[in-house]
């Protein structure tokens, strides 16, 4: 008579153990890619664009363009885009849920809005501003913004009419400009100059300026730049911010018809998208203000 197999024998136990190990390995291989995908799929960061949209047809046209172009780019570049003309979101804390704030064609006007924006930036918020977002002839009315944050002071002059410019990239190590060539042709814009020399401000890092090959810049002899130094793109090392001097399309003002597009330059668009991703924290970069705030919180917790 054949003897029954002893399922408790060392040999049988060894086979069972190997089977269990093989099964665990196979399960691990099946599950690991799912976890890896989940880890790599970071949640999109939230962008809020504030605008006025009620004055100057060229600025209004830029707002419409921006509110079409940015949403088209959002999903493939890892962000969501919300546009609002409610500037009181700065005053009541509604801005706090957004990683990045854009000023498309204006700047905060009330004391509560201004205080709220300063608090947001000092607390580690991120910002990108365009063209009119820096315009003022009364910098003393908000010195933190115009003199410290932007560094510009008052509006000094502008070119007319709107034209392209050859821009020289001065810093190709910054995340917003690392993919740009040494020089490139901008989209059409009116260009501003300022009362303050940004080169004298140690906190300001100029990323691109008008290349001398652009001169004369303008079509009206009375509003043309023939020489000089004109910053166009820059950041402030004390904050997570970027300013771009463009954002004013050429217009037929008789019919309010746009004759150009701010988003016509693919190279300039690369700056916008790379800059926005840097502001949104791509690569784990932390804003200077956020780093300072974290250090302060740590120091207070140790007291």
Protein backbone atom coordinates (compact mmCIF):
# COMPACT_ATOMS: atom_id res chain seq x y z
CA UNK A 1 0.00 0.00 0.00
CA UNK A 2 1.35 3.47 -0.94
CA UNK A 3 2.03 5.67 2.02
CA UNK A 4 0.29 9.07 2.18
CA UNK A 5 2.53 12.16 1.73
CA UNK A 6 3.46 13.92 4.93
CA UNK A 7 2.43 17.51 4.26
CA UNK A 8 4.38 18.59 7.27
CA UNK A 9 7.71 17.40 5.90
CA UNK A 10 10.60 19.93 5.46
CA UNK A 11 10.62 19.39 1.71
CA UNK A 12 6.91 20.19 1.36
CA UNK A 13 7.24 23.23 3.59
CA UNK A 14 10.14 24.49 1.46
CA UNK A 15 8.11 24.17 -1.73
CA UNK A 16 5.17 25.97 -0.15
CA UNK A 17 7.44 28.77 1.04
CA UNK A 18 8.92 29.21 -2.45
CA UNK A 19 5.42 29.39 -3.91
CA UNK A 20 4.43 32.05 -1.41
CA UNK A 21 7.55 34.10 -2.19
CA UNK A 22 6.89 33.81 -5.94
CA UNK A 23 3.27 34.87 -5.46
CA UNK A 24 4.31 37.89 -3.34
CA UNK A 25 6.88 38.89 -5.97
CA UNK A 26 4.32 38.70 -8.76
CA UNK A 27 1.84 40.75 -6.75
CA UNK A 28 4.56 43.29 -6.01
CA UNK A 29 5.38 43.66 -9.69
CA UNK A 30 1.73 44.21 -10.48
CA UNK A 31 1.17 46.78 -7.77
CA UNK A 32 4.46 48.74 -7.91
CA UNK A 33 3.79 50.58 -11.18
CA UNK A 34 0.43 51.78 -9.84
CA UNK A 35 2.08 53.28 -6.77
CA UNK A 36 4.87 54.80 -8.87
CA UNK A 37 2.31 56.40 -11.16
CA UNK A 38 0.37 57.77 -8.21
CA UNK A 39 3.51 59.29 -6.74
CA UNK A 40 4.61 60.87 -10.03
CA UNK A 41 1.20 62.35 -10.89
CA UNK A 42 1.41 65.49 -8.80
CA UNK A 43 -1.79 67.44 -8.30
CA UNK A 44 -2.02 70.54 -10.54
CA UNK A 45 -1.27 73.85 -8.86
CA UNK A 46 -3.97 76.51 -8.87
CA UNK A 47 -3.54 79.81 -10.71
CA UNK A 48 -5.77 82.86 -10.19
CA UNK A 49 -5.70 85.64 -12.81
CA UNK A 50 -7.08 88.99 -11.68
CA UNK A 51 -8.09 91.55 -14.28
CA UNK A 52 -9.99 94.80 -14.75
CA UNK A 53 -10.99 94.54 -18.39
CA UNK A 54 -12.71 97.92 -18.66
CA UNK A 55 -10.18 100.38 -20.05
CA UNK A 56 -7.99 100.67 -23.14
CA UNK A 57 -9.01 98.35 -25.97
CA UNK A 58 -5.46 96.97 -26.24
CA UNK A 59 -5.41 95.95 -22.58
CA UNK A 60 -8.93 94.51 -22.80
CA UNK A 61 -7.89 92.50 -25.84
CA UNK A 62 -4.87 91.13 -24.00
CA UNK A 63 -7.12 90.03 -21.12
CA UNK A 64 -9.39 88.15 -23.53
CA UNK A 65 -6.37 86.50 -25.13
CA UNK A 66 -4.85 85.52 -21.80
CA UNK A 67 -8.13 84.07 -20.55
CA UNK A 68 -8.24 81.86 -23.63
CA UNK A 69 -4.57 80.94 -23.95
CA UNK A 70 -3.75 80.00 -20.35
CA UNK A 71 -6.65 77.52 -19.99
CA UNK A 72 -5.56 75.88 -23.24
CA UNK A 73 -2.10 75.32 -21.75
CA UNK A 74 -3.20 74.35 -18.25
CA UNK A 75 -3.70 70.58 -18.30
CA UNK A 76 -0.49 69.70 -20.15
CA UNK A 77 1.56 72.02 -17.95
CA UNK A 78 0.24 70.96 -14.58
CA UNK A 79 -1.96 73.83 -13.44
CA UNK A 80 -5.57 74.97 -13.27
CA UNK A 81 -6.62 78.48 -14.28
CA UNK A 82 -9.31 80.70 -12.78
CA UNK A 83 -9.93 84.28 -13.97
CA UNK A 84 -11.76 86.87 -11.87
CA UNK A 85 -12.33 90.62 -11.78
CA UNK A 86 -12.98 90.47 -8.03
CA UNK A 87 -9.85 92.07 -6.61
CA UNK A 88 -11.31 91.79 -3.11
CA UNK A 89 -10.16 88.18 -3.15
CA UNK A 90 -6.87 89.74 -2.08
CA UNK A 91 -8.52 91.52 0.83
CA UNK A 92 -10.67 88.74 2.25
CA UNK A 93 -8.19 85.86 2.04
CA UNK A 94 -9.87 84.27 -0.98
CA UNK A 95 -6.52 84.30 -2.74
CA UNK A 96 -4.91 81.98 -0.20
CA UNK A 97 -6.12 78.80 -1.91
CA UNK A 98 -4.14 79.68 -5.04
CA UNK A 99 -0.48 78.89 -5.55
CA UNK A 100 0.07 81.65 -8.13
CA UNK A 101 -1.67 84.98 -8.77
CA UNK A 102 -1.50 86.85 -12.09
CA UNK A 103 -2.20 90.56 -12.55
CA UNK A 104 -3.23 90.88 -16.20
CA UNK A 105 -4.09 94.56 -16.67
CA UNK A 106 -4.26 96.31 -13.32
CA UNK A 107 -3.06 96.27 -9.71
CA UNK A 108 -4.79 96.43 -6.31
CA UNK A 109 -6.41 99.80 -5.69
CA UNK A 110 -7.84 99.78 -2.15
CA UNK A 111 -5.79 99.69 1.02
CA UNK A 112 -7.37 96.35 2.00
CA UNK A 113 -6.51 94.79 -1.36
CA UNK A 114 -2.96 96.06 -1.15
CA UNK A 115 -2.46 94.86 2.41
CA UNK A 116 -3.88 91.46 1.45
CA UNK A 117 -1.53 91.10 -1.51
CA UNK A 118 1.51 92.08 0.54
CA UNK A 119 0.52 89.54 3.19
CA UNK A 120 0.08 86.86 0.51
CA UNK A 121 3.52 87.51 -0.97
CA UNK A 122 5.33 87.79 2.36
CA UNK A 123 3.68 84.51 3.36
CA UNK A 124 5.17 82.62 0.42
CA UNK A 125 2.70 83.33 -2.39
CA UNK A 126 3.80 83.56 -6.03
CA UNK A 127 3.01 86.21 -8.65
CA UNK A 128 3.35 87.05 -12.32
CA UNK A 129 2.46 90.54 -13.57
CA UNK A 130 2.12 92.02 -17.03
CA UNK A 131 2.63 95.49 -18.51
CA UNK A 132 0.07 97.74 -16.75
CA UNK A 133 0.49 95.84 -13.48
CA UNK A 134 3.52 98.07 -12.84
CA UNK A 135 2.15 101.34 -14.21
CA UNK A 136 1.94 104.31 -11.83
CA UNK A 137 2.88 107.96 -11.60
CA UNK A 138 2.38 107.90 -7.83
CA UNK A 139 4.80 105.27 -6.55
CA UNK A 140 4.81 106.92 -3.14
CA UNK A 141 1.18 105.86 -2.68
CA UNK A 142 2.31 102.22 -2.38
CA UNK A 143 6.09 102.18 -1.89
CA UNK A 144 6.32 98.51 -0.92
CA UNK A 145 4.90 97.43 -4.28
CA UNK A 146 6.43 99.95 -6.66
CA UNK A 147 9.82 100.52 -5.03
CA UNK A 148 10.59 97.34 -3.09
CA UNK A 149 8.66 94.53 -4.77
CA UNK A 150 8.81 95.64 -8.43
CA UNK A 151 11.68 98.10 -8.04
CA UNK A 152 10.37 100.31 -10.83
CA UNK A 153 9.24 103.49 -9.12
CA UNK A 154 7.18 105.64 -11.48
CA UNK A 155 6.38 105.18 -15.15
CA UNK A 156 8.83 107.27 -17.15
CA UNK A 157 8.19 106.77 -20.87
CA UNK A 158 6.75 104.41 -23.45
CA UNK A 159 7.28 103.49 -27.08
CA UNK A 160 4.57 104.01 -29.71
CA UNK A 161 3.20 102.36 -31.71
CA UNK A 162 3.40 98.82 -30.50
CA UNK A 163 6.18 96.77 -32.15
CA UNK A 164 8.22 93.65 -31.64
CA UNK A 165 11.62 93.96 -29.96
CA UNK A 166 14.74 91.85 -30.01
CA UNK A 167 15.28 90.79 -26.42
CA UNK A 168 18.64 89.79 -24.95
CA UNK A 169 18.42 87.08 -22.30
CA UNK A 170 20.73 88.18 -19.49
CA UNK A 171 20.30 85.19 -17.19
CA UNK A 172 19.90 81.77 -18.77
CA UNK A 173 20.24 79.93 -15.45
CA UNK A 174 16.86 80.99 -14.07
CA UNK A 175 14.12 78.34 -14.46
CA UNK A 176 11.99 80.75 -16.50
CA UNK A 177 14.71 81.51 -19.06
CA UNK A 178 16.89 78.39 -19.17
CA UNK A 179 15.16 77.16 -22.35
CA UNK A 180 15.48 80.49 -24.18
CA UNK A 181 18.10 81.40 -26.78
CA UNK A 182 20.58 84.22 -26.22
CA UNK A 183 18.30 86.61 -28.12
CA UNK A 184 14.78 86.28 -29.47
CA UNK A 185 12.06 88.35 -31.10
CA UNK A 186 9.21 89.24 -28.77
CA UNK A 187 5.58 89.51 -29.69
CA UNK A 188 4.24 92.99 -30.45
CA UNK A 189 3.82 95.32 -27.47
CA UNK A 190 4.06 98.85 -26.24
CA UNK A 191 7.11 99.08 -23.98
CA UNK A 192 7.51 100.97 -20.68
CA UNK A 193 10.52 102.51 -18.97
CA UNK A 194 10.81 103.49 -15.31
CA UNK A 195 12.18 106.20 -13.05
CA UNK A 196 14.29 103.70 -11.06
CA UNK A 197 17.36 102.00 -12.50
CA UNK A 198 16.66 98.35 -11.75
CA UNK A 199 20.37 97.54 -12.09
CA UNK A 200 21.02 99.47 -8.88
CA UNK A 201 18.62 97.32 -6.84
CA UNK A 202 20.50 94.28 -5.42
CA UNK A 203 17.25 92.32 -5.01
CA UNK A 204 16.26 92.64 -8.66
CA UNK A 205 17.57 90.06 -11.13
CA UNK A 206 17.05 91.22 -14.71
CA UNK A 207 16.29 88.25 -16.94
CA UNK A 208 15.96 89.97 -20.33
CA UNK A 209 16.33 93.48 -21.73
CA UNK A 210 16.00 95.27 -25.05
CA UNK A 211 18.89 94.31 -27.32
CA UNK A 212 20.59 97.34 -28.94
CA UNK A 213 19.80 95.89 -32.36
CA UNK A 214 16.16 96.86 -31.70
CA UNK A 215 16.84 100.60 -31.91
CA UNK A 216 15.08 102.67 -32.99
CA UNK A 217 12.16 101.07 -31.11
CA UNK A 218 8.79 102.60 -31.97
CA UNK A 219 7.10 104.14 -34.98
CA UNK A 220 6.23 107.61 -33.65
CA UNK A 221 9.40 109.77 -33.70
CA UNK A 222 8.24 111.48 -30.50
CA UNK A 223 7.76 108.18 -28.68
CA UNK A 224 10.66 106.12 -29.96
CA UNK A 225 13.65 104.81 -28.03
CA UNK A 226 16.89 105.43 -29.89
CA UNK A 227 19.33 104.16 -27.26
CA UNK A 228 19.51 103.22 -23.61
CA UNK A 229 19.00 100.27 -21.29
CA UNK A 230 15.47 98.87 -20.88
CA UNK A 231 14.68 95.80 -18.73
CA UNK A 232 11.75 93.71 -19.98
CA UNK A 233 11.68 90.57 -17.79
CA UNK A 234 12.85 90.34 -14.19
CA UNK A 235 12.41 88.78 -10.79
CA UNK A 236 12.97 89.86 -7.19
CA UNK A 237 15.16 87.46 -5.19
CA UNK A 238 13.22 88.23 -1.99
CA UNK A 239 9.92 86.98 -3.42
CA UNK A 240 8.58 84.32 -5.79
CA UNK A 241 7.67 86.68 -8.61
CA UNK A 242 8.11 87.47 -12.30
CA UNK A 243 7.27 90.65 -14.18
CA UNK A 244 6.88 90.87 -17.97
CA UNK A 245 6.71 94.28 -19.64
CA UNK A 246 4.58 93.00 -22.53
CA UNK A 247 0.78 92.78 -22.66
CA UNK A 248 -0.40 95.54 -25.02
CA UNK A 249 -1.48 94.44 -28.49
CA UNK A 250 -1.48 96.63 -31.57
CA UNK A 251 -5.04 97.78 -32.22
CA UNK A 252 -7.24 99.45 -34.78
CA UNK A 253 -8.85 101.77 -32.25
CA UNK A 254 -11.56 102.84 -34.70
CA UNK A 255 -12.97 99.33 -34.72
CA UNK A 256 -11.29 97.91 -31.57
CA UNK A 257 -9.80 95.18 -33.73
CA UNK A 258 -6.56 93.51 -32.65
CA UNK A 259 -3.70 93.72 -35.13
CA UNK A 260 -1.33 91.49 -33.16
CA UNK A 261 -1.26 88.80 -30.49
CA UNK A 262 0.79 88.73 -27.28
CA UNK A 263 1.00 84.96 -27.64
CA UNK A 264 2.37 84.99 -31.21
CA UNK A 265 5.98 84.31 -30.13
CA UNK A 266 6.58 80.66 -29.26
CA UNK A 267 9.84 81.58 -27.54
CA UNK A 268 8.13 84.19 -25.39
CA UNK A 269 5.43 81.64 -24.58
CA UNK A 270 8.17 79.27 -23.37
CA UNK A 271 9.15 81.91 -20.82
CA UNK A 272 5.53 82.19 -19.66
CA UNK A 273 5.04 78.46 -19.19
CA UNK A 274 8.43 77.71 -17.65
CA UNK A 275 8.07 80.76 -15.44
CA UNK A 276 4.60 79.75 -14.35
CA UNK A 277 5.76 76.24 -13.49
CA UNK A 278 8.63 77.66 -11.45
CA UNK A 279 6.21 79.92 -9.60
CA UNK A 280 3.94 76.94 -9.00
CA UNK A 281 6.74 74.98 -7.35
CA UNK A 282 7.91 72.67 -10.14
CA UNK A 283 11.04 70.87 -9.01
CA UNK A 284 10.26 71.48 -5.37
CA UNK A 285 11.58 75.06 -5.39
CA UNK A 286 10.49 77.10 -2.40
CA UNK A 287 9.95 80.82 -2.45
CA UNK A 288 12.31 83.02 -0.41
CA UNK A 289 9.37 84.34 1.57
CA UNK A 290 8.07 80.84 2.30
CA UNK A 291 11.52 79.70 3.38
CA UNK A 292 11.83 82.69 5.70
CA UNK A 293 8.35 82.06 7.11
CA UNK A 294 9.17 78.39 7.73
CA UNK A 295 12.39 79.32 9.51
CA UNK A 296 10.52 81.83 11.65
CA UNK A 297 7.88 79.25 12.56
CA UNK A 298 10.60 76.73 13.51
CA UNK A 299 12.41 79.29 15.66
CA UNK A 300 9.17 80.20 17.45
CA UNK A 301 8.32 76.56 18.10
CA UNK A 302 11.68 76.07 19.79
CA UNK A 303 11.17 78.92 22.22
